[in-house]
């Protein structure tokens, strides 16, 4: 075993976090544009956004309190990214399709 080999698991975590951040920034931009337009679509999106954020944070809080994220910081980061990632990617895809 080579003790000088870098731990690539953290590199994967950093890349996944960066990717999630880029997707989240895109969602924020697309939502801001939609909300600025006003109307029924903006009201529905605001309600959806609030509901999703509240639900996701309660779920993650429950995982934290019950030990579902584990004891290792990198594993906890991976679980957190995996928790938020699918919803953020789905929102990016959905909002990108809007015309």
N, C-alpha and C. Protein backbone atom coordinates (compact mmCIF):
# COMPACT_ATOMS: atom_id res chain seq x y z
N UNK A 1 0.85 -1.19 0.00
CA UNK A 1 0.00 0.00 0.00
C UNK A 1 0.88 1.24 0.00
N UNK A 2 0.54 2.19 -0.82
CA UNK A 2 1.32 3.42 -0.95
C UNK A 2 0.70 4.50 -0.06
N UNK A 3 1.41 4.86 1.00
CA UNK A 3 0.89 5.87 1.92
C UNK A 3 0.97 7.28 1.33
N UNK A 4 1.70 7.45 0.22
CA UNK A 4 1.83 8.76 -0.40
C UNK A 4 0.73 9.04 -1.42
N UNK A 5 -0.10 8.06 -1.73
CA UNK A 5 -1.17 8.25 -2.70
C UNK A 5 -2.23 9.19 -2.09
N UNK A 6 -2.63 10.21 -2.84
CA UNK A 6 -3.65 11.13 -2.29
C UNK A 6 -5.01 10.44 -2.17
N UNK A 7 -5.78 10.92 -1.23
CA UNK A 7 -7.14 10.40 -1.03
C UNK A 7 -8.04 11.06 -2.07
N UNK A 8 -8.44 10.30 -3.08
CA UNK A 8 -9.26 10.87 -4.15
C UNK A 8 -10.73 10.97 -3.77
N UNK A 9 -11.12 10.36 -2.66
CA UNK A 9 -12.52 10.44 -2.24
C UNK A 9 -12.92 11.89 -1.99
N UNK A 10 -12.03 12.67 -1.36
CA UNK A 10 -12.35 14.08 -1.11
C UNK A 10 -12.45 14.85 -2.42
N UNK A 11 -11.62 14.50 -3.39
CA UNK A 11 -11.70 15.18 -4.69
C UNK A 11 -13.06 14.95 -5.34
N UNK A 12 -13.56 13.74 -5.23
CA UNK A 12 -14.89 13.44 -5.76
C UNK A 12 -15.95 14.24 -5.02
N UNK A 13 -15.82 14.31 -3.71
CA UNK A 13 -16.78 15.09 -2.91
C UNK A 13 -16.73 16.56 -3.31
N UNK A 14 -15.54 17.11 -3.47
CA UNK A 14 -15.41 18.51 -3.86
C UNK A 14 -16.04 18.75 -5.23
N UNK A 15 -15.79 17.85 -6.17
CA UNK A 15 -16.38 18.00 -7.51
C UNK A 15 -17.90 17.93 -7.44
N UNK A 16 -18.43 16.97 -6.67
CA UNK A 16 -19.88 16.83 -6.54
C UNK A 16 -20.50 18.08 -5.90
N UNK A 17 -19.81 18.64 -4.90
CA UNK A 17 -20.29 19.85 -4.24
C UNK A 17 -20.25 21.03 -5.22
N UNK A 18 -19.17 21.13 -5.99
CA UNK A 18 -19.07 22.20 -6.98
C UNK A 18 -20.19 22.08 -8.03
N UNK A 19 -20.42 20.86 -8.49
CA UNK A 19 -21.47 20.61 -9.48
C UNK A 19 -22.85 20.97 -8.94
N UNK A 20 -23.11 20.58 -7.69
CA UNK A 20 -24.38 20.93 -7.06
C UNK A 20 -24.51 22.45 -6.93
N UNK A 21 -23.43 23.11 -6.57
CA UNK A 21 -23.46 24.57 -6.46
C UNK A 21 -23.74 25.25 -7.80
N UNK A 22 -23.16 24.72 -8.86
CA UNK A 22 -23.41 25.28 -10.19
C UNK A 22 -24.87 25.08 -10.60
N UNK A 23 -25.40 23.89 -10.33
CA UNK A 23 -26.81 23.63 -10.63
C UNK A 23 -27.72 24.53 -9.80
N UNK A 24 -27.39 24.69 -8.52
CA UNK A 24 -28.20 25.53 -7.64
C UNK A 24 -28.19 26.99 -8.11
N UNK A 25 -27.03 27.47 -8.55
CA UNK A 25 -26.94 28.84 -9.06
C UNK A 25 -27.80 29.02 -10.30
N UNK A 26 -27.82 28.01 -11.16
CA UNK A 26 -28.67 28.06 -12.35
C UNK A 26 -30.14 28.10 -11.96
N UNK A 27 -30.53 27.27 -11.00
CA UNK A 27 -31.92 27.25 -10.53
C UNK A 27 -32.29 28.60 -9.93
N UNK A 28 -31.39 29.20 -9.16
CA UNK A 28 -31.70 30.51 -8.56
C UNK A 28 -31.91 31.56 -9.64
N UNK A 29 -31.07 31.55 -10.68
CA UNK A 29 -31.21 32.50 -11.77
C UNK A 29 -32.52 32.30 -12.50
N UNK A 30 -32.84 31.03 -12.83
CA UNK A 30 -34.07 30.74 -13.56
C UNK A 30 -35.30 31.08 -12.72
N UNK A 31 -35.25 30.79 -11.43
CA UNK A 31 -36.39 31.12 -10.56
C UNK A 31 -36.55 32.62 -10.41
N UNK A 32 -35.46 33.32 -10.29
CA UNK A 32 -35.53 34.78 -10.17
C UNK A 32 -36.20 35.38 -11.39
N UNK A 33 -35.82 34.90 -12.56
CA UNK A 33 -36.43 35.40 -13.80
C UNK A 33 -37.93 35.08 -13.83
N UNK A 34 -38.29 33.89 -13.41
CA UNK A 34 -39.71 33.50 -13.39
C UNK A 34 -40.49 34.32 -12.38
N UNK A 35 -39.93 34.49 -11.18
CA UNK A 35 -40.62 35.25 -10.14
C UNK A 35 -40.74 36.73 -10.52
N UNK A 36 -39.75 37.26 -11.21
CA UNK A 36 -39.79 38.66 -11.62
C UNK A 36 -40.91 38.92 -12.61
N UNK A 37 -41.29 37.88 -13.36
CA UNK A 37 -42.37 38.02 -14.32
C UNK A 37 -43.74 38.12 -13.68
N UNK A 38 -43.85 37.69 -12.44
CA UNK A 38 -45.12 37.76 -11.73
C UNK A 38 -46.15 36.81 -12.28
N UNK A 39 -47.37 36.97 -11.80
CA UNK A 39 -48.48 36.17 -12.29
C UNK A 39 -48.65 34.85 -11.55
N UNK A 40 -49.54 34.04 -12.09
CA UNK A 40 -49.89 32.76 -11.48
C UNK A 40 -48.69 31.81 -11.46
N UNK A 41 -47.92 31.78 -12.56
CA UNK A 41 -46.75 30.90 -12.63
C UNK A 41 -45.74 31.24 -11.53
N UNK A 42 -45.55 32.53 -11.29
CA UNK A 42 -44.61 32.96 -10.25
C UNK A 42 -45.12 32.58 -8.87
N UNK A 43 -46.41 32.71 -8.63
CA UNK A 43 -46.98 32.32 -7.34
C UNK A 43 -46.84 30.82 -7.10
N UNK A 44 -47.10 30.03 -8.14
CA UNK A 44 -46.95 28.58 -8.02
C UNK A 44 -45.50 28.19 -7.74
N UNK A 45 -44.58 28.86 -8.43
CA UNK A 45 -43.16 28.55 -8.25
C UNK A 45 -42.69 28.94 -6.86
N UNK A 46 -43.15 30.08 -6.36
CA UNK A 46 -42.77 30.52 -5.02
C UNK A 46 -43.28 29.53 -3.97
N UNK A 47 -44.51 29.07 -4.15
CA UNK A 47 -45.08 28.09 -3.22
C UNK A 47 -44.30 26.79 -3.29
N UNK A 48 -44.01 26.36 -4.50
CA UNK A 48 -43.25 25.11 -4.68
C UNK A 48 -41.86 25.23 -4.05
N UNK A 49 -41.20 26.35 -4.30
CA UNK A 49 -39.86 26.58 -3.77
C UNK A 49 -39.86 26.52 -2.24
N UNK A 50 -40.78 27.21 -1.62
CA UNK A 50 -40.86 27.23 -0.17
C UNK A 50 -41.12 25.83 0.37
N UNK A 51 -42.06 25.14 -0.23
CA UNK A 51 -42.41 23.80 0.22
C UNK A 51 -41.24 22.83 0.08
N UNK A 52 -40.55 22.88 -1.06
CA UNK A 52 -39.40 22.00 -1.28
C UNK A 52 -38.29 22.27 -0.28
N UNK A 53 -38.00 23.54 -0.05
CA UNK A 53 -36.91 23.88 0.86
C UNK A 53 -37.24 23.46 2.29
N UNK A 54 -38.46 23.71 2.71
CA UNK A 54 -38.86 23.33 4.06
C UNK A 54 -38.78 21.82 4.24
N UNK A 55 -39.33 21.09 3.30
CA UNK A 55 -39.33 19.63 3.36
C UNK A 55 -37.91 19.06 3.36
N UNK A 56 -37.08 19.54 2.44
CA UNK A 56 -35.72 19.03 2.33
C UNK A 56 -34.91 19.30 3.59
N UNK A 57 -35.09 20.48 4.18
CA UNK A 57 -34.35 20.82 5.39
C UNK A 57 -34.83 20.03 6.60
N UNK A 58 -36.12 19.78 6.70
CA UNK A 58 -36.64 18.95 7.79
C UNK A 58 -36.10 17.53 7.66
N UNK A 59 -36.12 16.99 6.43
CA UNK A 59 -35.60 15.64 6.21
C UNK A 59 -34.12 15.55 6.57
N UNK A 60 -33.33 16.53 6.14
CA UNK A 60 -31.91 16.50 6.45
C UNK A 60 -31.67 16.67 7.95
N UNK A 61 -32.44 17.54 8.57
CA UNK A 61 -32.33 17.71 10.02
C UNK A 61 -32.62 16.43 10.77
N UNK A 62 -33.61 15.70 10.30
CA UNK A 62 -33.94 14.42 10.91
C UNK A 62 -32.79 13.43 10.73
N UNK A 63 -32.19 13.43 9.54
CA UNK A 63 -31.04 12.54 9.32
C UNK A 63 -29.88 12.91 10.24
N UNK A 64 -29.66 14.19 10.44
CA UNK A 64 -28.58 14.63 11.34
C UNK A 64 -28.85 14.15 12.76
N UNK A 65 -30.07 14.36 13.23
CA UNK A 65 -30.42 14.01 14.61
C UNK A 65 -30.45 12.51 14.87
N UNK A 66 -30.71 11.73 13.84
CA UNK A 66 -30.79 10.28 14.03
C UNK A 66 -29.50 9.57 13.64
N UNK A 67 -28.46 10.32 13.28
CA UNK A 67 -27.18 9.72 12.91
C UNK A 67 -27.13 9.19 11.49
N UNK A 68 -28.09 9.57 10.68
CA UNK A 68 -28.16 9.07 9.31
C UNK A 68 -27.07 9.58 8.39
N UNK A 69 -26.34 10.59 8.82
CA UNK A 69 -25.25 11.10 7.99
C UNK A 69 -23.91 10.45 8.33
N UNK A 70 -23.88 9.66 9.38
CA UNK A 70 -22.64 8.99 9.77
C UNK A 70 -21.76 9.88 10.61
N UNK A 71 -20.57 9.36 10.90
CA UNK A 71 -19.62 10.09 11.76
C UNK A 71 -18.46 10.71 11.00
N UNK A 72 -18.26 10.29 9.78
CA UNK A 72 -17.16 10.79 8.97
C UNK A 72 -17.60 12.04 8.22
N UNK A 73 -16.84 13.13 8.31
CA UNK A 73 -17.25 14.38 7.65
C UNK A 73 -17.45 14.23 6.13
N UNK A 74 -16.57 13.48 5.46
CA UNK A 74 -16.71 13.33 4.02
C UNK A 74 -17.96 12.54 3.67
N UNK A 75 -18.24 11.50 4.43
CA UNK A 75 -19.44 10.70 4.19
C UNK A 75 -20.68 11.56 4.44
N UNK A 76 -20.65 12.37 5.48
CA UNK A 76 -21.78 13.26 5.77
C UNK A 76 -21.98 14.25 4.63
N UNK A 77 -20.88 14.78 4.10
CA UNK A 77 -20.98 15.69 2.96
C UNK A 77 -21.57 14.97 1.75
N UNK A 78 -21.11 13.75 1.50
CA UNK A 78 -21.64 12.97 0.37
C UNK A 78 -23.13 12.71 0.52
N UNK A 79 -23.56 12.36 1.74
CA UNK A 79 -24.99 12.12 1.98
C UNK A 79 -25.81 13.40 1.78
N UNK A 80 -25.25 14.51 2.22
CA UNK A 80 -25.96 15.79 2.07
C UNK A 80 -26.09 16.16 0.60
N UNK A 81 -25.02 16.00 -0.15
CA UNK A 81 -25.06 16.29 -1.59
C UNK A 81 -26.05 15.37 -2.28
N UNK A 82 -26.04 14.09 -1.89
CA UNK A 82 -26.97 13.12 -2.48
C UNK A 82 -28.41 13.44 -2.12
N UNK A 83 -28.61 14.05 -0.96
CA UNK A 83 -29.97 14.41 -0.51
C UNK A 83 -30.52 15.56 -1.35
N UNK A 84 -29.73 16.59 -1.57
CA UNK A 84 -30.20 17.78 -2.28
C UNK A 84 -30.06 17.66 -3.80
N UNK A 85 -29.09 16.90 -4.26
CA UNK A 85 -28.76 16.83 -5.68
C UNK A 85 -29.91 16.51 -6.62
N UNK A 86 -30.64 15.42 -6.40
CA UNK A 86 -31.70 15.07 -7.35
C UNK A 86 -32.77 16.16 -7.50
N UNK A 87 -33.14 16.79 -6.41
CA UNK A 87 -34.17 17.83 -6.47
C UNK A 87 -33.64 19.05 -7.23
N UNK A 88 -32.41 19.44 -6.94
CA UNK A 88 -31.83 20.60 -7.62
C UNK A 88 -31.71 20.33 -9.13
N UNK A 89 -31.22 19.14 -9.49
CA UNK A 89 -31.10 18.80 -10.91
C UNK A 89 -32.46 18.75 -11.60
N UNK A 90 -33.46 18.21 -10.91
CA UNK A 90 -34.81 18.15 -11.49
C UNK A 90 -35.37 19.56 -11.68
N UNK A 91 -35.15 20.44 -10.73
CA UNK A 91 -35.61 21.82 -10.86
C UNK A 91 -34.90 22.53 -12.01
N UNK A 92 -33.59 22.29 -12.14
CA UNK A 92 -32.85 22.90 -13.24
C UNK A 92 -33.41 22.45 -14.59
N UNK A 93 -33.67 21.16 -14.71
CA UNK A 93 -34.20 20.62 -15.97
C UNK A 93 -35.61 21.17 -16.24
N UNK A 94 -36.45 21.20 -15.21
CA UNK A 94 -37.83 21.67 -15.37
C UNK A 94 -37.86 23.15 -15.73
N UNK A 95 -37.09 23.96 -15.02
CA UNK A 95 -37.10 25.39 -15.28
C UNK A 95 -36.42 25.74 -16.61
N UNK A 96 -35.46 24.94 -17.03
CA UNK A 96 -34.79 25.19 -18.31
C UNK A 96 -35.71 24.95 -19.49
N UNK A 97 -36.69 24.06 -19.30
CA UNK A 97 -37.63 23.76 -20.39
C UNK A 97 -38.69 24.84 -20.56
N UNK A 98 -38.90 25.66 -19.54
CA UNK A 98 -39.95 26.70 -19.62
C UNK A 98 -39.63 27.67 -20.72
N UNK A 99 -40.68 28.17 -21.34
CA UNK A 99 -40.49 29.17 -22.40
C UNK A 99 -41.18 30.45 -22.05
